[in-house]
N, C-alpha and C. Protein backbone atom coordinates (compact mmCIF):
# COMPACT_ATOMS: atom_id res chain seq x y z
N UNK A 1 -18.61 75.32 34.18
CA UNK A 1 -18.83 73.94 33.80
C UNK A 1 -18.94 73.82 32.28
N UNK A 2 -19.72 74.70 31.67
CA UNK A 2 -19.92 74.66 30.23
C UNK A 2 -18.60 74.93 29.49
N UNK A 3 -17.79 75.85 30.01
CA UNK A 3 -16.50 76.17 29.40
C UNK A 3 -15.56 74.98 29.47
N UNK A 4 -15.57 74.27 30.60
CA UNK A 4 -14.71 73.09 30.75
C UNK A 4 -15.13 72.01 29.78
N UNK A 5 -16.44 71.76 29.67
CA UNK A 5 -16.95 70.75 28.75
C UNK A 5 -16.63 71.13 27.31
N UNK A 6 -16.76 72.40 26.98
CA UNK A 6 -16.44 72.87 25.63
C UNK A 6 -14.96 72.67 25.31
N UNK A 7 -14.08 72.95 26.28
CA UNK A 7 -12.64 72.76 26.11
C UNK A 7 -12.32 71.28 25.90
N UNK A 8 -12.89 70.43 26.75
CA UNK A 8 -12.64 68.99 26.63
C UNK A 8 -13.14 68.47 25.29
N UNK A 9 -14.33 68.90 24.88
CA UNK A 9 -14.89 68.47 23.61
C UNK A 9 -14.01 68.91 22.44
N UNK A 10 -13.50 70.15 22.50
CA UNK A 10 -12.67 70.68 21.42
C UNK A 10 -11.35 69.93 21.30
N UNK A 11 -10.80 69.54 22.43
CA UNK A 11 -9.49 68.88 22.41
C UNK A 11 -9.56 67.40 22.74
N UNK A 12 -10.73 66.81 22.65
CA UNK A 12 -10.90 65.42 23.05
C UNK A 12 -10.07 64.45 22.23
N UNK A 13 -9.91 64.70 20.95
CA UNK A 13 -9.11 63.79 20.12
C UNK A 13 -7.65 63.81 20.55
N UNK A 14 -7.12 65.00 20.79
CA UNK A 14 -5.73 65.12 21.23
C UNK A 14 -5.56 64.49 22.61
N UNK A 15 -6.48 64.80 23.51
CA UNK A 15 -6.43 64.25 24.86
C UNK A 15 -6.52 62.73 24.81
N UNK A 16 -7.41 62.21 23.95
CA UNK A 16 -7.59 60.76 23.83
C UNK A 16 -6.34 60.09 23.28
N UNK A 17 -5.70 60.69 22.27
CA UNK A 17 -4.47 60.12 21.71
C UNK A 17 -3.37 60.10 22.77
N UNK A 18 -3.22 61.19 23.51
CA UNK A 18 -2.21 61.23 24.59
C UNK A 18 -2.53 60.16 25.63
N UNK A 19 -3.78 60.03 25.99
CA UNK A 19 -4.20 59.02 26.96
C UNK A 19 -3.85 57.61 26.46
N UNK A 20 -4.14 57.30 25.20
CA UNK A 20 -3.85 55.97 24.64
C UNK A 20 -2.34 55.72 24.64
N UNK A 21 -1.54 56.72 24.28
CA UNK A 21 -0.09 56.55 24.29
C UNK A 21 0.39 56.26 25.72
N UNK A 22 -0.10 57.01 26.69
CA UNK A 22 0.28 56.78 28.09
C UNK A 22 -0.17 55.38 28.52
N UNK A 23 -1.37 54.99 28.14
CA UNK A 23 -1.89 53.66 28.47
C UNK A 23 -0.98 52.57 27.93
N UNK A 24 -0.56 52.70 26.68
CA UNK A 24 0.32 51.71 26.06
C UNK A 24 1.69 51.69 26.73
N UNK A 25 2.22 52.86 27.03
CA UNK A 25 3.54 52.94 27.68
C UNK A 25 3.48 52.28 29.06
N UNK A 26 2.42 52.55 29.81
CA UNK A 26 2.32 52.00 31.16
C UNK A 26 1.97 50.51 31.14
N UNK A 27 0.99 50.12 30.34
CA UNK A 27 0.51 48.73 30.38
C UNK A 27 1.32 47.77 29.51
N UNK A 28 1.83 48.24 28.39
CA UNK A 28 2.56 47.34 27.50
C UNK A 28 4.07 47.42 27.77
N UNK A 29 4.61 48.63 27.83
CA UNK A 29 6.04 48.76 28.05
C UNK A 29 6.43 48.76 29.53
N UNK A 30 5.42 48.74 30.41
CA UNK A 30 5.60 48.62 31.86
C UNK A 30 6.39 49.77 32.47
N UNK A 31 6.34 50.95 31.86
CA UNK A 31 6.97 52.12 32.44
C UNK A 31 6.10 52.60 33.60
N UNK A 32 6.58 52.96 34.71
CA UNK A 32 7.96 53.30 35.08
C UNK A 32 8.74 52.15 35.71
N UNK A 33 8.27 50.93 35.61
CA UNK A 33 8.99 49.79 36.19
C UNK A 33 10.14 49.40 35.26
N UNK A 34 11.20 50.17 35.28
CA UNK A 34 12.30 49.95 34.34
C UNK A 34 12.97 48.60 34.55
N UNK A 35 12.98 48.07 35.77
CA UNK A 35 13.55 46.74 35.97
C UNK A 35 12.74 45.71 35.19
N UNK A 36 11.43 45.90 35.09
CA UNK A 36 10.59 45.03 34.28
C UNK A 36 10.95 45.19 32.81
N UNK A 37 11.20 46.42 32.38
CA UNK A 37 11.57 46.67 30.98
C UNK A 37 12.87 45.95 30.64
N UNK A 38 13.85 45.99 31.55
CA UNK A 38 15.13 45.32 31.30
C UNK A 38 14.95 43.81 31.22
N UNK A 39 14.09 43.26 32.05
CA UNK A 39 13.86 41.82 31.99
C UNK A 39 13.13 41.42 30.70
N UNK A 40 12.30 42.32 30.20
CA UNK A 40 11.62 42.08 28.92
C UNK A 40 12.64 42.02 27.79
N UNK A 41 13.55 43.00 27.77
CA UNK A 41 14.59 43.03 26.73
C UNK A 41 15.47 41.80 26.84
N UNK A 42 15.82 41.40 28.06
CA UNK A 42 16.61 40.17 28.24
C UNK A 42 15.86 38.96 27.72
N UNK A 43 14.56 38.91 27.96
CA UNK A 43 13.75 37.80 27.44
C UNK A 43 13.74 37.76 25.93
N UNK A 44 13.70 38.94 25.30
CA UNK A 44 13.76 38.98 23.83
C UNK A 44 15.10 38.45 23.33
N UNK A 45 16.18 38.87 24.00
CA UNK A 45 17.53 38.47 23.56
C UNK A 45 17.75 36.99 23.76
N UNK A 46 17.29 36.43 24.88
CA UNK A 46 17.56 35.03 25.19
C UNK A 46 16.51 34.09 24.61
N UNK A 47 15.41 34.63 24.14
CA UNK A 47 14.34 33.79 23.59
C UNK A 47 13.47 33.18 24.67
N UNK A 48 13.59 33.64 25.90
CA UNK A 48 12.82 33.12 27.02
C UNK A 48 11.51 33.89 27.17
N UNK A 49 10.64 33.76 26.17
CA UNK A 49 9.41 34.53 26.14
C UNK A 49 8.16 33.68 26.23
N UNK A 50 8.27 32.41 26.00
CA UNK A 50 7.09 31.56 25.89
C UNK A 50 6.28 31.49 27.18
N UNK A 51 6.89 31.77 28.33
CA UNK A 51 6.17 31.68 29.59
C UNK A 51 4.98 32.64 29.64
N UNK A 52 5.03 33.75 28.88
CA UNK A 52 3.95 34.72 28.91
C UNK A 52 2.67 34.13 28.33
N UNK A 53 2.81 33.26 27.33
CA UNK A 53 1.64 32.61 26.75
C UNK A 53 1.12 31.53 27.69
N UNK A 54 2.03 30.73 28.23
CA UNK A 54 1.59 29.61 29.08
C UNK A 54 1.06 30.09 30.43
N UNK A 55 1.49 31.26 30.90
CA UNK A 55 1.01 31.78 32.17
C UNK A 55 -0.23 32.66 32.03
N UNK A 56 -0.68 32.89 30.82
CA UNK A 56 -1.87 33.70 30.61
C UNK A 56 -3.08 32.99 31.22
N UNK A 57 -4.06 33.76 31.65
CA UNK A 57 -5.20 33.25 32.39
C UNK A 57 -6.48 33.56 31.63
N UNK A 58 -7.24 32.52 31.29
CA UNK A 58 -8.43 32.69 30.45
C UNK A 58 -9.73 32.33 31.14
N UNK A 59 -9.69 32.07 32.45
CA UNK A 59 -10.91 31.71 33.19
C UNK A 59 -11.44 32.97 33.87
N UNK A 60 -12.65 33.41 33.48
CA UNK A 60 -13.19 34.65 34.06
C UNK A 60 -13.31 34.60 35.58
N UNK A 61 -12.93 35.70 36.21
CA UNK A 61 -13.02 35.95 37.64
C UNK A 61 -12.04 35.14 38.50
N UNK A 62 -11.24 34.29 37.92
CA UNK A 62 -10.29 33.50 38.70
C UNK A 62 -9.27 34.41 39.41
N UNK A 63 -8.65 35.30 38.67
CA UNK A 63 -7.66 36.21 39.27
C UNK A 63 -8.32 37.19 40.21
N UNK A 64 -9.47 37.71 39.83
CA UNK A 64 -10.17 38.69 40.68
C UNK A 64 -10.49 38.07 42.04
N UNK A 65 -11.05 36.87 42.04
CA UNK A 65 -11.40 36.20 43.29
C UNK A 65 -10.15 35.93 44.12
N UNK A 66 -9.10 35.46 43.47
CA UNK A 66 -7.85 35.19 44.18
C UNK A 66 -7.28 36.47 44.81
N UNK A 67 -7.30 37.56 44.05
CA UNK A 67 -6.77 38.83 44.56
C UNK A 67 -7.63 39.37 45.71
N UNK A 68 -8.95 39.29 45.59
CA UNK A 68 -9.84 39.78 46.65
C UNK A 68 -9.60 39.01 47.94
N UNK A 69 -9.35 37.72 47.83
CA UNK A 69 -9.06 36.91 49.03
C UNK A 69 -7.78 37.35 49.73
N UNK A 70 -6.83 37.89 48.98
CA UNK A 70 -5.53 38.27 49.53
C UNK A 70 -5.44 39.73 49.96
N UNK A 71 -6.47 40.51 49.70
CA UNK A 71 -6.43 41.92 50.07
C UNK A 71 -6.65 42.06 51.57
N UNK A 72 -5.70 42.70 52.22
CA UNK A 72 -5.82 42.96 53.65
C UNK A 72 -5.87 44.45 53.94
N UNK A 73 -5.38 45.24 53.00
CA UNK A 73 -5.42 46.70 53.16
C UNK A 73 -5.30 47.35 51.79
N UNK A 74 -5.49 48.65 51.77
CA UNK A 74 -5.39 49.39 50.51
C UNK A 74 -3.95 49.44 50.00
N UNK A 75 -3.00 49.10 50.84
CA UNK A 75 -1.59 49.10 50.44
C UNK A 75 -1.17 47.79 49.77
N UNK A 76 -2.00 46.78 49.86
CA UNK A 76 -1.65 45.48 49.27
C UNK A 76 -1.50 45.59 47.76
N UNK A 77 -0.55 44.85 47.25
CA UNK A 77 -0.34 44.79 45.80
C UNK A 77 -1.60 44.27 45.11
N UNK A 78 -2.29 43.36 45.73
CA UNK A 78 -3.49 42.77 45.13
C UNK A 78 -4.57 43.84 44.92
N UNK A 79 -4.77 44.68 45.95
CA UNK A 79 -5.75 45.76 45.83
C UNK A 79 -5.33 46.75 44.76
N UNK A 80 -4.05 47.12 44.76
CA UNK A 80 -3.54 48.08 43.78
C UNK A 80 -3.72 47.57 42.36
N UNK A 81 -3.49 46.27 42.15
CA UNK A 81 -3.65 45.70 40.82
C UNK A 81 -5.10 45.78 40.37
N UNK A 82 -6.02 45.41 41.27
CA UNK A 82 -7.45 45.48 40.93
C UNK A 82 -7.86 46.92 40.64
N UNK A 83 -7.48 47.83 41.54
CA UNK A 83 -7.88 49.23 41.40
C UNK A 83 -7.27 49.87 40.14
N UNK A 84 -6.01 49.58 39.89
CA UNK A 84 -5.36 50.20 38.72
C UNK A 84 -5.99 49.73 37.41
N UNK A 85 -6.37 48.46 37.35
CA UNK A 85 -7.03 47.98 36.13
C UNK A 85 -8.34 48.71 35.88
N UNK A 86 -9.03 49.07 36.93
CA UNK A 86 -10.27 49.83 36.79
C UNK A 86 -9.95 51.29 36.47
N UNK A 87 -9.08 51.89 37.26
CA UNK A 87 -8.76 53.32 37.11
C UNK A 87 -8.16 53.67 35.75
N UNK A 88 -7.35 52.77 35.19
CA UNK A 88 -6.69 53.06 33.91
C UNK A 88 -7.69 53.20 32.76
N UNK A 89 -8.89 52.66 32.90
CA UNK A 89 -9.85 52.73 31.80
C UNK A 89 -11.01 53.71 32.05
N UNK A 90 -11.03 54.36 33.20
CA UNK A 90 -12.05 55.38 33.43
C UNK A 90 -11.94 56.51 32.39
N UNK A 91 -10.73 57.00 32.09
CA UNK A 91 -10.64 58.04 31.04
C UNK A 91 -11.15 57.56 29.68
N UNK A 92 -10.97 56.28 29.38
CA UNK A 92 -11.46 55.75 28.11
C UNK A 92 -12.97 55.92 28.02
N UNK A 93 -13.68 55.52 29.07
CA UNK A 93 -15.14 55.63 29.07
C UNK A 93 -15.63 57.06 29.04
N UNK A 94 -14.83 57.98 29.58
CA UNK A 94 -15.20 59.39 29.58
C UNK A 94 -14.88 60.06 28.24
N UNK A 95 -13.73 59.76 27.67
CA UNK A 95 -13.28 60.46 26.46
C UNK A 95 -13.88 59.91 25.16
N UNK A 96 -14.07 58.61 25.07
CA UNK A 96 -14.54 58.01 23.82
C UNK A 96 -15.84 58.63 23.30
N UNK A 97 -16.85 58.86 24.14
CA UNK A 97 -18.09 59.44 23.60
C UNK A 97 -17.95 60.90 23.18
N UNK A 98 -16.86 61.56 23.57
CA UNK A 98 -16.69 62.96 23.21
C UNK A 98 -16.39 63.16 21.73
N UNK A 99 -15.79 62.16 21.11
CA UNK A 99 -15.45 62.35 19.70
C UNK A 99 -16.01 61.27 18.78
N UNK A 100 -16.86 60.43 19.30
CA UNK A 100 -17.54 59.46 18.45
C UNK A 100 -19.02 59.81 18.41
N UNK A 101 -19.67 59.34 17.42
CA UNK A 101 -21.12 59.53 17.34
C UNK A 101 -21.84 58.42 18.11
N UNK A 102 -21.04 57.51 18.65
CA UNK A 102 -21.58 56.39 19.42
C UNK A 102 -21.60 56.78 20.89
N UNK A 103 -22.77 57.10 21.40
CA UNK A 103 -22.87 57.52 22.79
C UNK A 103 -23.76 56.61 23.62
N UNK A 104 -24.00 55.43 23.13
CA UNK A 104 -24.76 54.47 23.91
C UNK A 104 -23.78 53.67 24.77
N UNK A 105 -24.21 53.30 25.96
CA UNK A 105 -23.32 52.63 26.90
C UNK A 105 -22.74 51.34 26.31
N UNK A 106 -23.55 50.57 25.61
CA UNK A 106 -23.05 49.31 25.08
C UNK A 106 -22.01 49.53 24.00
N UNK A 107 -22.13 50.61 23.23
CA UNK A 107 -21.15 50.89 22.17
C UNK A 107 -19.80 51.28 22.79
N UNK A 108 -19.82 52.14 23.79
CA UNK A 108 -18.59 52.56 24.46
C UNK A 108 -17.98 51.37 25.19
N UNK A 109 -18.81 50.53 25.80
CA UNK A 109 -18.32 49.33 26.48
C UNK A 109 -17.60 48.41 25.50
N UNK A 110 -18.17 48.21 24.32
CA UNK A 110 -17.53 47.37 23.30
C UNK A 110 -16.17 47.96 22.90
N UNK A 111 -16.11 49.28 22.70
CA UNK A 111 -14.83 49.93 22.38
C UNK A 111 -13.81 49.69 23.49
N UNK A 112 -14.23 49.82 24.74
CA UNK A 112 -13.34 49.60 25.87
C UNK A 112 -12.85 48.16 25.93
N UNK A 113 -13.74 47.21 25.69
CA UNK A 113 -13.36 45.80 25.70
C UNK A 113 -12.38 45.50 24.57
N UNK A 114 -12.63 46.05 23.40
CA UNK A 114 -11.71 45.84 22.26
C UNK A 114 -10.33 46.43 22.57
N UNK A 115 -10.30 47.65 23.11
CA UNK A 115 -9.02 48.28 23.46
C UNK A 115 -8.27 47.45 24.50
N UNK A 116 -8.98 46.99 25.52
CA UNK A 116 -8.37 46.18 26.57
C UNK A 116 -7.86 44.85 26.01
N UNK A 117 -8.65 44.23 25.17
CA UNK A 117 -8.25 42.97 24.54
C UNK A 117 -6.98 43.16 23.71
N UNK A 118 -6.92 44.24 22.95
CA UNK A 118 -5.73 44.51 22.14
C UNK A 118 -4.49 44.70 23.01
N UNK A 119 -4.65 45.36 24.14
CA UNK A 119 -3.52 45.54 25.05
C UNK A 119 -3.07 44.19 25.61
N UNK A 120 -4.01 43.34 26.00
CA UNK A 120 -3.66 42.01 26.50
C UNK A 120 -2.95 41.19 25.43
N UNK A 121 -3.43 41.25 24.20
CA UNK A 121 -2.79 40.52 23.10
C UNK A 121 -1.38 41.07 22.85
N UNK A 122 -1.23 42.39 22.86
CA UNK A 122 0.10 42.99 22.68
C UNK A 122 1.06 42.55 23.77
N UNK A 123 0.59 42.48 25.00
CA UNK A 123 1.46 42.04 26.09
C UNK A 123 2.00 40.63 25.84
N UNK A 124 1.13 39.75 25.34
CA UNK A 124 1.56 38.38 25.08
C UNK A 124 2.44 38.31 23.83
N UNK A 125 2.01 38.95 22.74
CA UNK A 125 2.77 38.88 21.50
C UNK A 125 4.15 39.51 21.62
N UNK A 126 4.25 40.59 22.35
CA UNK A 126 5.55 41.25 22.54
C UNK A 126 6.33 40.65 23.71
N UNK A 127 5.73 39.65 24.36
CA UNK A 127 6.35 38.98 25.50
C UNK A 127 6.72 39.96 26.60
N UNK A 128 5.79 40.85 26.90
CA UNK A 128 6.02 41.83 27.96
C UNK A 128 5.08 41.60 29.15
N UNK A 129 4.28 40.58 29.08
CA UNK A 129 3.36 40.28 30.16
C UNK A 129 2.43 39.15 29.76
N UNK A 130 1.59 38.77 30.70
CA UNK A 130 0.63 37.69 30.43
C UNK A 130 -0.72 38.29 30.10
N UNK A 131 -1.51 37.55 29.39
CA UNK A 131 -2.88 37.96 29.12
C UNK A 131 -3.77 37.46 30.24
N UNK A 132 -4.74 38.24 30.61
CA UNK A 132 -5.65 37.83 31.69
C UNK A 132 -7.04 38.35 31.38
N UNK A 133 -7.99 37.44 31.26
CA UNK A 133 -9.37 37.81 30.96
C UNK A 133 -9.92 38.73 32.05
N UNK A 134 -9.44 38.57 33.28
CA UNK A 134 -9.91 39.42 34.37
C UNK A 134 -9.47 40.87 34.20
N UNK A 135 -8.33 41.09 33.58
CA UNK A 135 -7.92 42.47 33.28
C UNK A 135 -8.93 43.11 32.33
N UNK A 136 -9.40 42.35 31.36
CA UNK A 136 -10.39 42.87 30.42
C UNK A 136 -11.70 43.18 31.16
N UNK A 137 -12.09 42.31 32.07
CA UNK A 137 -13.32 42.54 32.85
C UNK A 137 -13.18 43.81 33.69
N UNK A 138 -12.06 43.95 34.39
CA UNK A 138 -11.84 45.14 35.23
C UNK A 138 -11.74 46.41 34.39
N UNK A 139 -11.06 46.32 33.23
CA UNK A 139 -10.97 47.47 32.33
C UNK A 139 -12.34 47.86 31.80
N UNK A 140 -13.18 46.86 31.52
CA UNK A 140 -14.55 47.14 31.06
C UNK A 140 -15.34 47.85 32.15
N UNK A 141 -15.15 47.44 33.40
CA UNK A 141 -15.81 48.09 34.53
C UNK A 141 -15.34 49.55 34.63
N UNK A 142 -14.04 49.78 34.44
CA UNK A 142 -13.51 51.14 34.44
C UNK A 142 -14.11 51.97 33.32
N UNK A 143 -14.28 51.36 32.15
CA UNK A 143 -14.90 52.05 31.02
C UNK A 143 -16.33 52.47 31.37
N UNK A 144 -17.06 51.58 32.03
CA UNK A 144 -18.44 51.90 32.44
C UNK A 144 -18.47 53.05 33.44
N UNK A 145 -17.55 53.05 34.38
CA UNK A 145 -17.48 54.14 35.36
C UNK A 145 -17.19 55.46 34.65
N UNK A 146 -16.24 55.44 33.73
CA UNK A 146 -15.91 56.64 32.96
C UNK A 146 -17.08 57.14 32.15
N UNK A 147 -17.82 56.22 31.55
CA UNK A 147 -19.00 56.61 30.78
C UNK A 147 -20.07 57.19 31.70
N UNK A 148 -20.17 56.64 32.91
CA UNK A 148 -21.11 57.20 33.89
C UNK A 148 -20.75 58.64 34.24
N UNK A 149 -19.45 58.92 34.41
CA UNK A 149 -19.00 60.30 34.65
C UNK A 149 -19.34 61.19 33.46
N UNK A 150 -19.11 60.67 32.26
CA UNK A 150 -19.45 61.43 31.05
C UNK A 150 -20.94 61.79 31.04
N UNK A 151 -21.78 60.79 31.29
CA UNK A 151 -23.23 61.01 31.28
C UNK A 151 -23.64 62.03 32.35
N UNK A 152 -23.04 61.92 33.53
CA UNK A 152 -23.34 62.84 34.63
C UNK A 152 -22.96 64.27 34.26
N UNK A 153 -21.75 64.46 33.78
CA UNK A 153 -21.29 65.81 33.42
C UNK A 153 -22.08 66.34 32.23
N UNK A 154 -22.35 65.49 31.26
CA UNK A 154 -23.12 65.91 30.10
C UNK A 154 -24.53 66.35 30.51
N UNK A 155 -25.18 65.59 31.39
CA UNK A 155 -26.54 65.95 31.81
C UNK A 155 -26.55 67.24 32.64
N UNK A 156 -25.53 67.42 33.49
CA UNK A 156 -25.44 68.65 34.28
C UNK A 156 -25.19 69.84 33.36
N UNK A 157 -24.28 69.69 32.40
CA UNK A 157 -23.97 70.78 31.46
C UNK A 157 -25.19 71.10 30.59
N UNK A 158 -25.91 70.06 30.17
CA UNK A 158 -27.11 70.26 29.34
C UNK A 158 -28.18 71.00 30.14
N UNK A 159 -28.36 70.60 31.39
CA UNK A 159 -29.35 71.25 32.25
C UNK A 159 -28.98 72.72 32.48
N UNK A 160 -27.70 72.97 32.73
CA UNK A 160 -27.25 74.36 32.95
C UNK A 160 -27.43 75.20 31.70
N UNK A 161 -27.21 74.61 30.51
CA UNK A 161 -27.36 75.38 29.28
C UNK A 161 -28.82 75.69 28.97
N UNK A 162 -29.74 74.85 29.48
CA UNK A 162 -31.16 75.11 29.26
C UNK A 162 -31.71 76.14 30.24
N UNK A 163 -31.01 76.33 31.36
CA UNK A 163 -31.47 77.30 32.37
C UNK A 163 -31.27 78.73 31.92
C-alpha cells in the first residue's frame, strides 16, 4: 500500500496531466464519438453553432431530475450520462490533493468546480456541446467522491506507516 501511494505521489503531476488531456478529449472533442466530431466540424464550416448557446441549461437540478425520471435500467442513456459525469471527475478529486498543498475538501471542491466550469464554457465557445449547470453539480459530486478515496487511502497508508 505504501509503495503504491509513494508511486502515485511521485508521478501525480504526470498522471494528472494525462488525466486532464483525456478529460478534454472525451468531454470537449467528444472522442470516441467520431460522428459527433464530424457534426461539430460541419457546424464550424456552415456557421450553424449558435444552438449550443441557446440550448445550454442554467437551472440547477433541472436536467438531473429529468434524467432520473427517465431511468429504467442501468443501460439507459440517462443513467449513463448521470454516472459518467460523476465518474469522470473522481480521478480529479483523488489526484489534485497529491500535488497541491491544498488538502482541505472545500479547496479541492473549488478546483473541481472551476475545472468543470471551464469544460462547460469550452464546449459552448467551441460549439461542441451545450453548457449545463447540472454537469458541474455532478462533476463536483465526483470530485468529492475522489477526495473521499484520497482521504481513505491516505489515512490507511498513514496508519500503516505508524505501525
